[in-house]
Amino acid sequence: MAWIYLLLAIIFEIIFALGASASQGFTKLKVSLITLVGIVGGIYFISLALKTLDVGVGYPIWTGVGAVGTVIFGALIFKEKITSAKVVCFVAIIGGVIGLKSLAGV
């Protein structure tokens, strides 16, 4: 169940980051409220995941996958550029996430 909570935390983290950008400094009410839901949801679900997962595994996965997801959706929604340098960094982050996941039971 901890991994499901972590996945939900990641989704809310991406919602938060994209909402923070779209809210234009919390000047757009609807988007600002969505951003706040993202913040609360992310913290709630990461706290549930960390009841079982080590913080040294769960937190880096949450932030790493959240960061990659934010860049991907930022490109799709806001037309931000994904450069080859960003792709290299994504691969490094995903490699770290896979490593942490594989070591989670150790």
C-alpha atoms as a PDB file:
ATOM      1  CA  MET A   1       0.000   0.000   0.000  1.00  0.00           C
ATOM      2  CA  ALA A   2       2.934   2.353   0.666  1.00  0.00           C
ATOM      3  CA  TRP A   3       3.849   2.392  -3.025  1.00  0.00           C
ATOM      4  CA  ILE A   4       0.286   3.350  -3.971  1.00  0.00           C
ATOM      5  CA  TYR A   5       0.408   6.187  -1.449  1.00  0.00           C
ATOM      6  CA  LEU A   6       3.740   7.252  -2.921  1.00  0.00           C
ATOM      7  CA  LEU A   7       2.286   7.252  -6.439  1.00  0.00           C
ATOM      8  CA  LEU A   8      -0.622   9.413  -5.257  1.00  0.00           C
ATOM      9  CA  ALA A   9       1.832  11.756  -3.513  1.00  0.00           C
ATOM     10  CA  ILE A  10       3.769  12.082  -6.779  1.00  0.00           C
ATOM     11  CA  ILE A  11       0.600  12.934  -8.720  1.00  0.00           C
ATOM     12  CA  PHE A  12      -0.311  15.620  -6.178  1.00  0.00           C
ATOM     13  CA  GLU A  13       3.278  16.932  -6.264  1.00  0.00           C
ATOM     14  CA  ILE A  14       3.027  17.402 -10.032  1.00  0.00           C
ATOM     15  CA  ILE A  15      -0.369  19.105  -9.649  1.00  0.00           C
ATOM     16  CA  PHE A  16       1.144  21.428  -7.043  1.00  0.00           C
ATOM     17  CA  ALA A  17       4.159  22.382  -9.176  1.00  0.00           C
ATOM     18  CA  LEU A  18       2.148  22.984 -12.346  1.00  0.00           C
ATOM     19  CA  GLY A  19      -0.496  24.868 -10.402  1.00  0.00           C
ATOM     20  CA  ALA A  20       2.102  27.071  -8.736  1.00  0.00           C
ATOM     21  CA  SER A  21       3.289  28.122 -12.171  1.00  0.00           C
ATOM     22  CA  ALA A  22      -0.195  28.592 -13.617  1.00  0.00           C
ATOM     23  CA  SER A  23      -1.511  30.512 -10.590  1.00  0.00           C
ATOM     24  CA  GLN A  24       0.755  33.466 -11.468  1.00  0.00           C
ATOM     25  CA  GLY A  25       1.778  34.099  -7.887  1.00  0.00           C
ATOM     26  CA  PHE A  26      -1.557  32.983  -6.448  1.00  0.00           C
ATOM     27  CA  THR A  27      -3.398  35.719  -8.343  1.00  0.00           C
ATOM     28  CA  LYS A  28      -5.791  33.284 -10.073  1.00  0.00           C
ATOM     29  CA  LEU A  29      -8.249  31.933  -7.501  1.00  0.00           C
ATOM     30  CA  LYS A  30      -9.300  28.659  -9.175  1.00  0.00           C
ATOM     31  CA  VAL A  31      -5.755  27.613 -10.033  1.00  0.00           C
ATOM     32  CA  SER A  32      -4.541  28.720  -6.601  1.00  0.00           C
ATOM     33  CA  LEU A  33      -7.101  26.438  -4.950  1.00  0.00           C
ATOM     34  CA  ILE A  34      -5.998  23.535  -7.152  1.00  0.00           C
ATOM     35  CA  THR A  35      -2.405  24.294  -6.141  1.00  0.00           C
ATOM     36  CA  LEU A  36      -3.331  24.178  -2.462  1.00  0.00           C
ATOM     37  CA  VAL A  37      -5.090  20.835  -2.975  1.00  0.00           C
ATOM     38  CA  GLY A  38      -1.887  19.593  -4.612  1.00  0.00           C
ATOM     39  CA  ILE A  39       0.210  20.709  -1.643  1.00  0.00           C
ATOM     40  CA  VAL A  40      -2.084  19.164   0.962  1.00  0.00           C
ATOM     41  CA  GLY A  41      -2.625  15.962  -1.020  1.00  0.00           C
ATOM     42  CA  GLY A  42       1.082  15.519  -1.660  1.00  0.00           C
ATOM     43  CA  ILE A  43       2.051  15.974   1.966  1.00  0.00           C
ATOM     44  CA  TYR A  44      -0.788  13.765   3.180  1.00  0.00           C
ATOM     45  CA  PHE A  45       0.055  10.841   0.893  1.00  0.00           C
ATOM     46  CA  ILE A  46       3.831  11.082   1.352  1.00  0.00           C
ATOM     47  CA  SER A  47       3.256  10.979   5.109  1.00  0.00           C
ATOM     48  CA  LEU A  48       1.214   7.784   4.695  1.00  0.00           C
ATOM     49  CA  ALA A  49       3.871   6.253   2.435  1.00  0.00           C
ATOM     50  CA  LEU A  50       6.625   7.100   4.927  1.00  0.00           C
ATOM     51  CA  LYS A  51       4.856   5.146   7.654  1.00  0.00           C
ATOM     52  CA  THR A  52       6.221   2.050   5.860  1.00  0.00           C
ATOM     53  CA  LEU A  53       8.979   3.256   3.526  1.00  0.00           C
ATOM     54  CA  ASP A  54      12.293   4.611   4.745  1.00  0.00           C
ATOM     55  CA  VAL A  55      12.423   8.390   4.358  1.00  0.00           C
ATOM     56  CA  GLY A  56      15.713   7.933   2.472  1.00  0.00           C
ATOM     57  CA  VAL A  57      13.814   5.938  -0.155  1.00  0.00           C
ATOM     58  CA  GLY A  58      10.339   7.487  -0.245  1.00  0.00           C
ATOM     59  CA  TYR A  59      11.241  11.154  -0.193  1.00  0.00           C
ATOM     60  CA  PRO A  60      13.846  11.066  -2.997  1.00  0.00           C
ATOM     61  CA  ILE A  61      11.497   9.017  -5.166  1.00  0.00           C
ATOM     62  CA  TRP A  62       8.666  11.483  -4.475  1.00  0.00           C
ATOM     63  CA  THR A  63      10.743  14.501  -5.399  1.00  0.00           C
ATOM     64  CA  GLY A  64      12.628  12.848  -8.273  1.00  0.00           C
ATOM     65  CA  VAL A  65       9.661  11.385 -10.102  1.00  0.00           C
ATOM     66  CA  GLY A  66       7.654  14.512  -9.281  1.00  0.00           C
ATOM     67  CA  ALA A  67      10.374  16.635 -10.878  1.00  0.00           C
ATOM     68  CA  VAL A  68      10.519  14.531 -14.032  1.00  0.00           C
ATOM     69  CA  GLY A  69       6.725  14.484 -14.280  1.00  0.00           C
ATOM     70  CA  THR A  70       6.591  18.233 -13.804  1.00  0.00           C
ATOM     71  CA  VAL A  71       9.058  18.820 -16.634  1.00  0.00           C
ATOM     72  CA  ILE A  72       7.194  16.457 -18.966  1.00  0.00           C
ATOM     73  CA  PHE A  73       3.786  17.973 -18.218  1.00  0.00           C
ATOM     74  CA  GLY A  74       5.305  21.467 -18.268  1.00  0.00           C
ATOM     75  CA  ALA A  75       6.397  20.771 -21.836  1.00  0.00           C
ATOM     76  CA  LEU A  76       2.970  19.444 -22.780  1.00  0.00           C
ATOM     77  CA  ILE A  77       0.898  22.127 -21.057  1.00  0.00           C
ATOM     78  CA  PHE A  78       3.130  25.223 -21.087  1.00  0.00           C
ATOM     79  CA  LYS A  79       5.180  24.364 -24.208  1.00  0.00           C
ATOM     80  CA  GLU A  80       8.457  24.427 -22.238  1.00  0.00           C
ATOM     81  CA  LYS A  81      11.455  23.023 -24.094  1.00  0.00           C
ATOM     82  CA  ILE A  82      12.924  19.624 -23.260  1.00  0.00           C
ATOM     83  CA  THR A  83      16.573  19.753 -24.241  1.00  0.00           C
ATOM     84  CA  SER A  84      18.991  16.873 -24.598  1.00  0.00           C
ATOM     85  CA  ALA A  85      20.677  18.002 -21.376  1.00  0.00           C
ATOM     86  CA  LYS A  86      17.334  17.715 -19.568  1.00  0.00           C
ATOM     87  CA  VAL A  87      16.867  14.214 -20.970  1.00  0.00           C
ATOM     88  CA  VAL A  88      20.286  13.171 -19.627  1.00  0.00           C
ATOM     89  CA  CYS A  89      19.256  14.497 -16.219  1.00  0.00           C
ATOM     90  CA  PHE A  90      15.927  12.639 -16.403  1.00  0.00           C
ATOM     91  CA  VAL A  91      17.770   9.412 -17.097  1.00  0.00           C
ATOM     92  CA  ALA A  92      20.004  10.017 -14.077  1.00  0.00           C
ATOM     93  CA  ILE A  93      16.990  10.746 -11.845  1.00  0.00           C
ATOM     94  CA  ILE A  94      15.062   7.711 -13.076  1.00  0.00           C
ATOM     95  CA  GLY A  95      18.181   5.562 -12.626  1.00  0.00           C
ATOM     96  CA  GLY A  96      18.414   6.752  -9.036  1.00  0.00           C
ATOM     97  CA  VAL A  97      14.725   6.063  -8.466  1.00  0.00           C
ATOM     98  CA  ILE A  98      15.075   2.531  -9.850  1.00  0.00           C
ATOM     99  CA  GLY A  99      18.104   1.994  -7.646  1.00  0.00           C
ATOM    100  CA  LEU A 100      16.299   3.220  -4.538  1.00  0.00           C
ATOM    101  CA  LYS A 101      13.223   1.112  -5.344  1.00  0.00           C
ATOM    102  CA  SER A 102      15.339  -2.008  -5.836  1.00  0.00           C
ATOM    103  CA  LEU A 103      17.133  -1.406  -2.543  1.00  0.00           C
ATOM    104  CA  ALA A 104      13.949  -0.599  -0.606  1.00  0.00           C
ATOM    105  CA  GLY A 105      13.660  -4.136   0.753  1.00  0.00           C
ATOM    106  CA  VAL A 106      17.324  -4.321   1.783  1.00  0.00           C
END
